[in-house]
Amino acid sequence: MFRARLIRAGILFAIAAAGTTSCGKTQFTQPNLKTDVVSVQAFERFLNSAQRESRELLIDGRVTNIEWDLTGNPSVILLEGGAGGNYYVLVRSLWTLNQFGENDGFYLLLEWPDRSEDRLKEPLVTSVDVLSDLGDTLINCSSDALLRETSWSRSQKQEDQVWIELFSDAAGSFPADVWRWGAETTDPCTPVNGAEFIGAVNDGDTLGSTSHPGAGFLEDLYDVGGGPVRDQGDWTYIVTNHNPGSNVPLAIASKGSRDSRLNRAKPTPYVLWRGGRPPGPATVQKPFLACENGHPPDNPVREDDAGIRDKSWNPGDYVPSFSTSLPSESQLDVIGKGQWLAGKWALEIRRDLTTRPVSDAVPPPPPWPDDVQLAPGRRYMMRISIYDGTTKTTSQSQRFPIYLRP
């Protein structure tokens, strides 16, 4: 991310061209800061063709005019940080009604500049070279070279991540809802449609697949003033892919029938999937064994790249340091998807205005107690923090007002 003390803007943030000034001024023009956010009313489904076909608002990281133009000009929020740098984030918001005119969802769009896309979080890296330049096998499978502790280390690379705090009133009082998006730890966790293949677990792998199939699940936390605590339920990245004190992977990606669905639009190295918490069944992973894929053993990271002829393990190849799986209970509330393109992140987020346990009961169950319930006509305060490929330095906004305009 831009590290200058003050960055005027980013792509789509009106970067001034070299030597360009406005109206004879000798200094670059700053963006027209609009530091409050107005969430406007919309419908969960909208017409998108001359034939008056309708579809739902898509949470896919792709910003389209038909979805977001009705919000008007975005708000320009300044993020400040020491080593993290100062820069601006564009914020848009809307809230929706369903087809029966009932209050439905709350949406956010964040866009910010970032020179690099950091998708990996502490990957396990190998130093093993399986093939020589002539194609000769350099390791003996019986020696278990790929399973030696000395053959693996853990990288210090960190993912890009965003923290959003939504305070419970216009004064910025606690409690606050806290949502965390991570480029590797939450973004790839998308549900699958049970009709795509046999074996999908109802209300497990498939939950949410018919309404927002491209969206991953954010981590949901609650802060009563003493720091954020995770909401009830399992989150997305609880299962580590190595034993304590070890850097040798336990599993690698499997080219099974489910990987293209569970890793929807994500290359194999980003995520290993399980269908549930241990001892639940493994889905898109298999045990990592010496030469388990023949002689020499195949590397699924390289299998994913058709331009690489050598599909075996090479120095610098990596495996995710944890497996992911879909969350449960109150951790299912917030969905989102990020897309990095040409030096800019776009992150779309959705949450129900009123969050409840998933149930067909009539009347419905009461709202989750670990969420801030949102109501049109009310004003709240929000704060945004962004970690650019680090866990130590952050750029953070001041608290700013957001109004759900009826």
Protein backbone atom coordinates (compact mmCIF):
# COMPACT_ATOMS: atom_id res chain seq x y z
CA MET A 1 0.00 0.00 0.00
CA PHE A 2 1.18 3.55 -0.57
CA ARG A 3 3.58 4.41 2.26
CA ALA A 4 3.84 8.18 1.81
CA ARG A 5 2.94 10.30 4.80
CA LEU A 6 -0.10 11.61 2.96
CA ILE A 7 -1.52 10.04 -0.15
CA ARG A 8 -3.99 12.23 -1.91
CA ALA A 9 -5.90 9.40 -3.53
CA GLY A 10 -5.68 6.09 -5.34
CA ILE A 11 -6.97 4.61 -8.55
CA LEU A 12 -10.53 5.92 -8.94
CA PHE A 13 -9.61 8.31 -6.12
CA ALA A 14 -8.62 11.17 -8.45
CA ILE A 15 -4.83 10.78 -8.45
CA ALA A 16 -3.34 13.96 -9.85
CA ALA A 17 -1.20 13.48 -12.93
CA ALA A 18 2.39 14.65 -12.72
CA GLY A 19 2.52 18.41 -12.92
CA THR A 20 -1.26 18.79 -12.92
CA THR A 21 -2.82 21.42 -10.68
CA SER A 22 -6.27 23.00 -10.60
CA CYS A 23 -7.28 26.53 -11.56
CA GLY A 24 -3.79 27.97 -11.46
CA LYS A 25 -3.06 26.64 -7.98
CA THR A 26 0.47 25.54 -7.21
CA GLN A 27 -0.58 22.60 -5.00
CA PHE A 28 -2.40 19.40 -5.88
CA THR A 29 -6.12 19.39 -5.25
CA GLN A 30 -7.37 17.31 -2.34
CA PRO A 31 -10.49 15.17 -2.77
CA ASN A 32 -13.78 16.67 -1.70
CA LEU A 33 -14.04 15.01 1.70
CA LYS A 34 -17.48 13.76 2.65
CA THR A 35 -16.87 12.18 6.00
CA ASP A 36 -20.36 10.89 6.78
CA VAL A 37 -22.05 7.96 5.05
CA VAL A 38 -25.70 7.83 4.05
CA SER A 39 -27.11 4.35 3.50
CA VAL A 40 -29.93 4.64 0.97
CA GLN A 41 -32.97 2.42 0.49
CA ALA A 42 -32.97 -0.12 -2.34
CA PHE A 43 -34.51 -3.47 -3.20
CA GLU A 44 -32.79 -6.80 -2.62
CA ARG A 45 -33.69 -7.72 -6.21
CA PHE A 46 -33.52 -5.30 -9.14
CA LEU A 47 -34.36 -5.26 -12.83
CA ASN A 48 -31.34 -5.65 -15.07
CA SER A 49 -32.53 -5.99 -18.64
CA ALA A 50 -35.01 -4.69 -21.20
CA GLN A 51 -36.99 -7.89 -20.64
CA ARG A 52 -37.34 -6.77 -17.00
CA GLU A 53 -35.50 -9.76 -15.64
CA SER A 54 -34.49 -9.39 -12.03
CA ARG A 55 -31.61 -10.66 -9.94
CA GLU A 56 -30.25 -10.17 -6.46
CA LEU A 57 -27.52 -7.74 -5.56
CA LEU A 58 -24.33 -9.74 -5.98
CA ILE A 59 -21.63 -9.93 -3.32
CA ASP A 60 -18.72 -10.80 -5.61
CA GLY A 61 -16.19 -7.97 -5.32
CA ARG A 62 -17.11 -6.66 -8.77
CA VAL A 63 -18.46 -3.12 -8.55
CA THR A 64 -21.18 -2.50 -11.14
CA ASN A 65 -23.04 0.73 -11.77
CA ILE A 66 -26.44 -0.92 -11.73
CA GLU A 67 -25.82 -2.02 -8.15
CA TRP A 68 -24.12 1.02 -6.63
CA ASP A 69 -24.96 4.16 -8.65
CA LEU A 70 -28.17 4.70 -6.69
CA THR A 71 -26.05 5.48 -3.60
CA GLY A 72 -24.75 8.67 -5.21
CA ASN A 73 -21.20 9.88 -4.81
CA PRO A 74 -19.14 7.84 -2.36
CA SER A 75 -18.00 9.20 0.98
CA VAL A 76 -14.25 9.82 1.21
CA ILE A 77 -12.86 8.61 4.53
CA LEU A 78 -9.28 9.36 5.59
CA LEU A 79 -7.30 6.52 7.15
CA GLU A 80 -4.25 7.50 9.16
CA GLY A 81 -1.34 5.41 10.36
CA GLY A 82 2.37 5.64 11.09
CA ALA A 83 4.15 2.90 9.13
CA GLY A 84 0.80 2.00 7.57
CA GLY A 85 0.57 5.34 5.79
CA ASN A 86 -2.29 7.78 5.24
CA TYR A 87 -4.75 7.28 2.40
CA TYR A 88 -8.42 7.49 1.53
CA VAL A 89 -11.16 4.86 1.39
CA LEU A 90 -14.29 5.30 -0.68
CA VAL A 91 -17.41 4.11 1.18
CA ARG A 92 -20.88 3.47 -0.19
CA SER A 93 -23.82 1.91 1.59
CA LEU A 94 -27.40 0.85 1.05
CA TRP A 95 -30.08 -1.08 2.90
CA THR A 96 -32.71 -3.20 1.21
CA LEU A 97 -36.32 -4.31 1.22
CA ASN A 98 -37.34 -7.80 0.12
CA GLN A 99 -40.12 -8.55 -2.38
CA PHE A 100 -42.73 -8.18 0.38
CA GLY A 101 -41.55 -4.73 1.41
CA GLU A 102 -39.95 -5.97 4.63
CA ASN A 103 -36.58 -4.75 5.91
CA ASP A 104 -33.87 -7.08 4.67
CA GLY A 105 -30.14 -6.41 4.29
CA PHE A 106 -27.40 -3.85 4.97
CA TYR A 107 -24.64 -3.42 2.35
CA LEU A 108 -21.24 -1.76 2.35
CA LEU A 109 -18.76 -1.13 -0.46
CA LEU A 110 -15.18 -0.18 0.43
CA GLU A 111 -12.55 0.76 -2.18
CA TRP A 112 -8.96 1.63 -1.33
CA PRO A 113 -5.54 1.76 -3.06
CA ASP A 114 -3.04 -1.05 -2.60
CA ARG A 115 0.03 -1.60 -4.77
CA SER A 116 0.10 -5.35 -4.15
CA GLU A 117 -2.42 -8.11 -3.51
CA ASP A 118 -1.45 -10.03 -0.35
CA ARG A 119 -3.51 -13.22 -0.31
CA LEU A 120 -1.30 -15.55 1.76
CA LYS A 121 -1.08 -15.81 5.54
CA GLU A 122 2.05 -17.51 6.90
CA PRO A 123 2.28 -20.25 4.23
CA LEU A 124 4.44 -23.33 4.86
CA VAL A 125 7.42 -23.16 2.45
CA THR A 126 9.61 -26.07 1.31
CA SER A 127 13.31 -26.07 0.43
CA VAL A 128 13.14 -29.46 -1.31
CA ASP A 129 14.10 -29.75 -4.98
CA VAL A 130 12.53 -32.90 -6.43
CA LEU A 131 13.75 -32.71 -10.03
CA SER A 132 17.02 -31.61 -11.60
CA ASP A 133 17.11 -29.36 -14.65
CA LEU A 134 17.38 -32.54 -16.76
CA GLY A 135 14.23 -34.00 -15.21
CA ASP A 136 16.02 -36.54 -13.02
CA THR A 137 14.52 -37.30 -9.61
CA LEU A 138 16.74 -35.83 -6.90
CA ILE A 139 15.08 -37.37 -3.84
CA ASN A 140 14.52 -40.95 -2.80
CA CYS A 141 10.94 -41.48 -1.74
CA SER A 142 12.03 -43.93 0.92
CA SER A 143 14.03 -41.16 2.61
CA ASP A 144 10.86 -39.11 3.22
CA ALA A 145 12.70 -35.92 2.24
CA LEU A 146 9.43 -34.06 1.81
CA LEU A 147 8.39 -34.93 5.36
CA ARG A 148 11.57 -33.81 7.13
CA GLU A 149 11.20 -30.91 9.52
CA THR A 150 14.32 -29.31 8.04
CA SER A 151 12.64 -29.23 4.62
CA TRP A 152 9.96 -26.76 5.73
CA SER A 153 9.73 -23.28 7.22
CA ARG A 154 6.91 -20.85 7.85
CA SER A 155 6.85 -17.61 5.89
CA GLN A 156 6.17 -14.31 7.62
CA LYS A 157 3.87 -13.17 4.81
CA GLN A 158 0.53 -11.83 6.02
CA GLU A 159 -2.77 -11.33 4.28
CA ASP A 160 -4.50 -8.04 3.55
CA GLN A 161 -7.31 -7.61 6.05
CA VAL A 162 -10.03 -5.11 7.02
CA TRP A 163 -11.69 -4.52 10.40
CA ILE A 164 -15.03 -2.68 10.54
CA GLU A 165 -16.49 -1.50 13.84
CA LEU A 166 -20.19 -0.55 13.84
CA PHE A 167 -21.15 1.16 17.10
CA SER A 168 -24.63 0.89 18.53
CA ASP A 169 -25.70 4.55 18.43
CA ALA A 170 -24.97 8.00 16.99
CA ALA A 171 -22.61 8.79 19.88
CA GLY A 172 -20.34 5.86 19.07
CA SER A 173 -21.20 3.94 22.23
CA PHE A 174 -20.46 0.32 22.98
CA PRO A 175 -21.47 -2.39 22.33
CA ALA A 176 -20.12 -2.56 18.80
CA ASP A 177 -20.37 -5.12 16.04
CA VAL A 178 -16.92 -5.95 14.65
CA TRP A 179 -16.43 -7.60 11.25
CA ARG A 180 -13.08 -8.90 10.03
CA TRP A 181 -12.33 -9.69 6.37
CA GLY A 182 -9.13 -11.53 5.47
CA ALA A 183 -7.94 -12.10 1.90
CA GLU A 184 -7.10 -15.75 2.69
CA THR A 185 -8.79 -16.56 6.00
CA THR A 186 -12.35 -15.51 5.12
CA ASP A 187 -12.63 -14.43 1.47
CA PRO A 188 -12.48 -17.90 -0.18
CA CYS A 189 -15.05 -19.49 2.17
CA THR A 190 -17.97 -19.68 -0.26
CA PRO A 191 -20.86 -22.16 -0.01
CA VAL A 192 -21.72 -24.64 -2.76
CA ASN A 193 -25.00 -25.53 -4.41
CA GLY A 194 -26.11 -29.03 -3.45
CA ALA A 195 -27.26 -29.63 -7.03
CA GLU A 196 -23.68 -29.31 -8.33
CA PHE A 197 -22.48 -32.62 -6.93
CA ILE A 198 -23.50 -35.54 -4.74
CA GLY A 199 -22.39 -35.33 -1.13
CA ALA A 200 -22.87 -31.67 -0.24
CA VAL A 201 -23.99 -31.34 3.36
CA ASN A 202 -27.36 -29.62 3.71
CA ASP A 203 -27.13 -26.45 5.83
CA GLY A 204 -23.39 -27.09 6.01
CA ASP A 205 -21.54 -26.76 2.73
CA THR A 206 -24.66 -25.42 0.99
CA LEU A 207 -25.92 -22.79 3.43
CA GLY A 208 -26.35 -19.50 1.57
CA SER A 209 -25.57 -20.95 -1.85
CA THR A 210 -28.92 -20.02 -3.40
CA SER A 211 -28.98 -16.40 -2.21
CA HIS A 212 -25.35 -15.18 -2.40
CA PRO A 213 -23.31 -17.94 -4.03
CA GLY A 214 -20.17 -15.90 -4.65
CA ALA A 215 -19.75 -14.48 -1.15
CA GLY A 216 -17.43 -15.70 1.57
CA PHE A 217 -18.11 -15.45 5.29
CA LEU A 218 -16.47 -12.70 7.34
CA GLU A 219 -15.45 -13.27 10.93
CA ASP A 220 -18.06 -11.75 13.27
CA LEU A 221 -17.08 -10.33 16.67
CA TYR A 222 -18.76 -8.31 19.45
CA ASP A 223 -17.19 -5.62 21.63
CA VAL A 224 -18.83 -4.42 24.86
CA GLY A 225 -15.90 -2.13 25.59
CA GLY A 226 -13.17 -4.54 26.65
CA GLY A 227 -12.06 -5.60 23.18
CA PRO A 228 -13.67 -7.70 20.45
CA VAL A 229 -14.71 -11.29 21.22
CA ARG A 230 -15.81 -13.77 18.55
CA ASP A 231 -19.54 -14.34 18.16
CA GLN A 232 -21.00 -17.73 18.96
CA GLY A 233 -20.13 -20.52 16.53
CA ASP A 234 -17.18 -21.81 14.52
CA TRP A 235 -15.25 -19.41 12.32
CA THR A 236 -13.61 -20.12 8.99
CA TYR A 237 -9.96 -20.95 9.70
CA ILE A 238 -9.88 -22.85 12.98
CA VAL A 239 -8.15 -25.99 11.67
CA THR A 240 -4.34 -25.72 11.44
CA ASN A 241 -2.56 -27.65 8.69
CA HIS A 242 0.47 -28.60 10.80
CA ASN A 243 1.21 -30.16 14.18
CA PRO A 244 2.16 -27.91 17.13
CA GLY A 245 5.80 -26.90 16.87
CA SER A 246 6.09 -28.25 13.32
CA ASN A 247 6.06 -26.65 9.88
CA VAL A 248 5.51 -29.86 7.90
CA PRO A 249 2.07 -29.80 6.23
CA LEU A 250 -0.50 -32.37 7.27
CA ALA A 251 -2.51 -32.11 4.04
CA ILE A 252 -2.34 -30.77 0.51
CA ALA A 253 -5.08 -29.89 -1.95
CA SER A 254 -6.81 -32.79 -3.64
CA LYS A 255 -7.99 -32.64 -7.21
CA GLY A 256 -11.28 -34.24 -6.25
CA SER A 257 -14.76 -33.54 -7.58
CA ARG A 258 -15.42 -30.73 -5.11
CA ASP A 259 -12.38 -28.49 -5.41
CA SER A 260 -13.64 -26.29 -8.23
CA ARG A 261 -16.81 -25.53 -6.26
CA LEU A 262 -15.41 -25.09 -2.78
CA ASN A 263 -12.41 -23.15 -4.12
CA ARG A 264 -14.65 -21.16 -6.40
CA ALA A 265 -12.53 -18.65 -8.35
CA LYS A 266 -9.54 -19.23 -6.05
CA PRO A 267 -6.33 -21.05 -7.07
CA THR A 268 -5.48 -24.18 -5.11
CA PRO A 269 -2.66 -22.71 -2.97
CA TYR A 270 -4.96 -20.31 -1.16
CA VAL A 271 -7.14 -22.72 0.76
CA LEU A 272 -7.62 -26.33 1.85
CA TRP A 273 -11.23 -27.23 2.57
CA ARG A 274 -13.00 -29.41 5.07
CA GLY A 275 -16.71 -30.24 5.11
CA GLY A 276 -16.85 -29.71 8.86
CA ARG A 277 -14.80 -29.56 12.03
CA PRO A 278 -12.73 -32.62 12.96
CA PRO A 279 -13.62 -35.42 12.97
CA GLY A 280 -15.81 -34.28 10.10
CA PRO A 281 -15.09 -35.55 6.59
CA ALA A 282 -12.29 -34.02 4.54
CA THR A 283 -13.44 -32.54 1.25
CA VAL A 284 -10.78 -30.90 -0.88
CA GLN A 285 -7.66 -32.13 0.83
CA LYS A 286 -5.70 -35.33 1.29
CA PRO A 287 -2.87 -36.39 3.62
CA PHE A 288 0.60 -35.15 2.69
CA LEU A 289 2.82 -38.21 2.24
CA ALA A 290 6.26 -38.78 0.76
CA CYS A 291 5.94 -39.36 -2.99
CA GLU A 292 2.25 -40.01 -2.49
CA ASN A 293 1.49 -38.89 -6.04
CA GLY A 294 4.00 -41.06 -7.86
CA HIS A 295 7.66 -40.56 -8.77
CA PRO A 296 8.29 -37.70 -8.42
CA PRO A 297 5.36 -36.47 -6.30
CA ASP A 298 3.09 -33.86 -7.88
CA ASN A 299 2.62 -30.42 -6.39
CA PRO A 300 -1.03 -29.24 -6.52
CA VAL A 301 0.07 -25.60 -6.52
CA ARG A 302 1.91 -26.17 -9.79
CA GLU A 303 -0.84 -28.37 -11.16
CA ASP A 304 -3.05 -25.30 -11.04
CA ASP A 305 -0.78 -23.43 -13.47
CA ALA A 306 -1.03 -24.78 -17.01
CA GLY A 307 2.00 -22.71 -18.03
CA ILE A 308 4.42 -24.68 -15.82
CA ARG A 309 5.76 -27.93 -17.28
CA ASP A 310 7.40 -29.14 -14.07
CA LYS A 311 4.55 -30.17 -11.78
CA SER A 312 6.74 -31.52 -8.98
CA TRP A 313 7.96 -29.79 -5.82
CA ASN A 314 10.56 -27.03 -6.14
CA PRO A 315 12.30 -24.80 -3.57
CA GLY A 316 10.00 -21.96 -2.56
CA ASP A 317 6.76 -23.87 -3.17
CA TYR A 318 4.24 -23.52 -0.39
CA VAL A 319 1.16 -25.01 1.30
CA PRO A 320 -1.48 -23.13 3.37
CA SER A 321 -0.76 -23.24 7.10
CA PHE A 322 -4.41 -23.94 7.96
CA SER A 323 -7.53 -25.52 6.52
CA THR A 324 -10.74 -23.57 6.22
CA SER A 325 -14.37 -24.59 6.48
CA LEU A 326 -17.73 -22.84 6.54
CA PRO A 327 -18.69 -21.20 9.85
CA SER A 328 -21.76 -21.85 12.00
CA GLU A 329 -24.38 -20.14 14.17
CA SER A 330 -23.84 -16.39 14.68
CA GLN A 331 -20.62 -16.53 12.64
CA LEU A 332 -22.80 -16.93 9.53
CA ASP A 333 -24.19 -13.40 9.72
CA VAL A 334 -21.74 -11.35 7.64
CA ILE A 335 -20.75 -12.18 4.07
CA GLY A 336 -18.36 -10.44 1.72
CA LYS A 337 -16.02 -10.72 -1.23
CA GLY A 338 -12.95 -8.72 -2.18
CA GLN A 339 -11.36 -8.21 -5.59
CA TRP A 340 -7.94 -6.67 -6.24
CA LEU A 341 -7.44 -5.14 -9.67
CA ALA A 342 -4.90 -2.65 -11.02
CA GLY A 343 -3.74 -1.41 -7.64
CA LYS A 344 -7.11 -1.19 -5.91
CA TRP A 345 -9.19 -3.38 -3.61
CA ALA A 346 -12.99 -3.43 -3.83
CA LEU A 347 -14.75 -5.16 -0.92
CA GLU A 348 -18.51 -5.77 -0.91
CA ILE A 349 -20.16 -6.72 2.40
CA ARG A 350 -23.70 -7.71 3.39
CA ARG A 351 -25.47 -8.46 6.66
CA ASP A 352 -29.13 -8.83 7.57
CA LEU A 353 -30.49 -5.74 9.29
CA THR A 354 -31.80 -8.05 12.01
CA THR A 355 -29.73 -11.20 12.56
CA ARG A 356 -31.32 -14.42 13.81
CA PRO A 357 -30.50 -18.12 14.02
CA VAL A 358 -31.24 -19.92 10.75
CA SER A 359 -34.70 -21.41 11.27
CA ASP A 360 -38.03 -22.02 9.53
CA ALA A 361 -39.91 -21.62 12.81
CA VAL A 362 -42.98 -19.38 13.03
CA PRO A 363 -42.66 -17.00 14.76
CA PRO A 364 -38.91 -16.71 14.06
CA PRO A 365 -36.39 -17.05 16.90
CA PRO A 366 -35.23 -13.89 18.71
CA PRO A 367 -32.27 -11.93 17.30
CA TRP A 368 -28.72 -12.92 18.16
CA PRO A 369 -27.64 -11.15 21.38
CA ASP A 370 -24.06 -10.74 20.12
CA ASP A 371 -24.94 -8.46 17.20
CA VAL A 372 -25.91 -4.79 16.89
CA GLN A 373 -29.36 -4.89 15.30
CA LEU A 374 -29.84 -2.20 12.64
CA ALA A 375 -32.97 -0.13 11.97
CA PRO A 376 -33.74 2.31 9.12
CA GLY A 377 -34.06 5.87 10.34
CA ARG A 378 -31.34 5.47 12.96
CA ARG A 379 -27.82 6.86 13.03
CA TYR A 380 -24.73 4.90 14.02
CA MET A 381 -20.97 5.41 14.16
CA MET A 382 -18.42 3.37 12.26
CA ARG A 383 -14.63 2.95 12.16
CA ILE A 384 -12.46 1.22 9.53
CA SER A 385 -9.00 -0.28 10.04
CA ILE A 386 -6.89 -1.82 7.26
CA TYR A 387 -3.81 -4.02 7.62
CA ASP A 388 -1.76 -4.09 4.42
CA GLY A 389 -0.02 -7.47 4.45
CA THR A 390 0.91 -7.11 8.12
CA THR A 391 -0.43 -7.74 11.60
CA LYS A 392 1.63 -5.01 13.28
CA THR A 393 0.87 -1.73 11.54
CA THR A 394 -2.54 -0.47 10.60
CA SER A 395 -4.17 2.57 9.04
CA GLN A 396 -7.37 3.57 10.82
CA SER A 397 -10.14 6.11 10.34
CA GLN A 398 -11.70 8.27 13.00
CA ARG A 399 -15.22 7.27 14.00
CA PHE A 400 -17.62 8.63 11.37
CA PRO A 401 -21.44 8.75 11.27
CA ILE A 402 -23.56 6.48 9.10
CA TYR A 403 -27.27 7.14 8.63
CA LEU A 404 -29.77 4.54 7.37
CA ARG A 405 -31.99 6.97 5.51
CA PRO A 406 -35.62 5.75 5.34
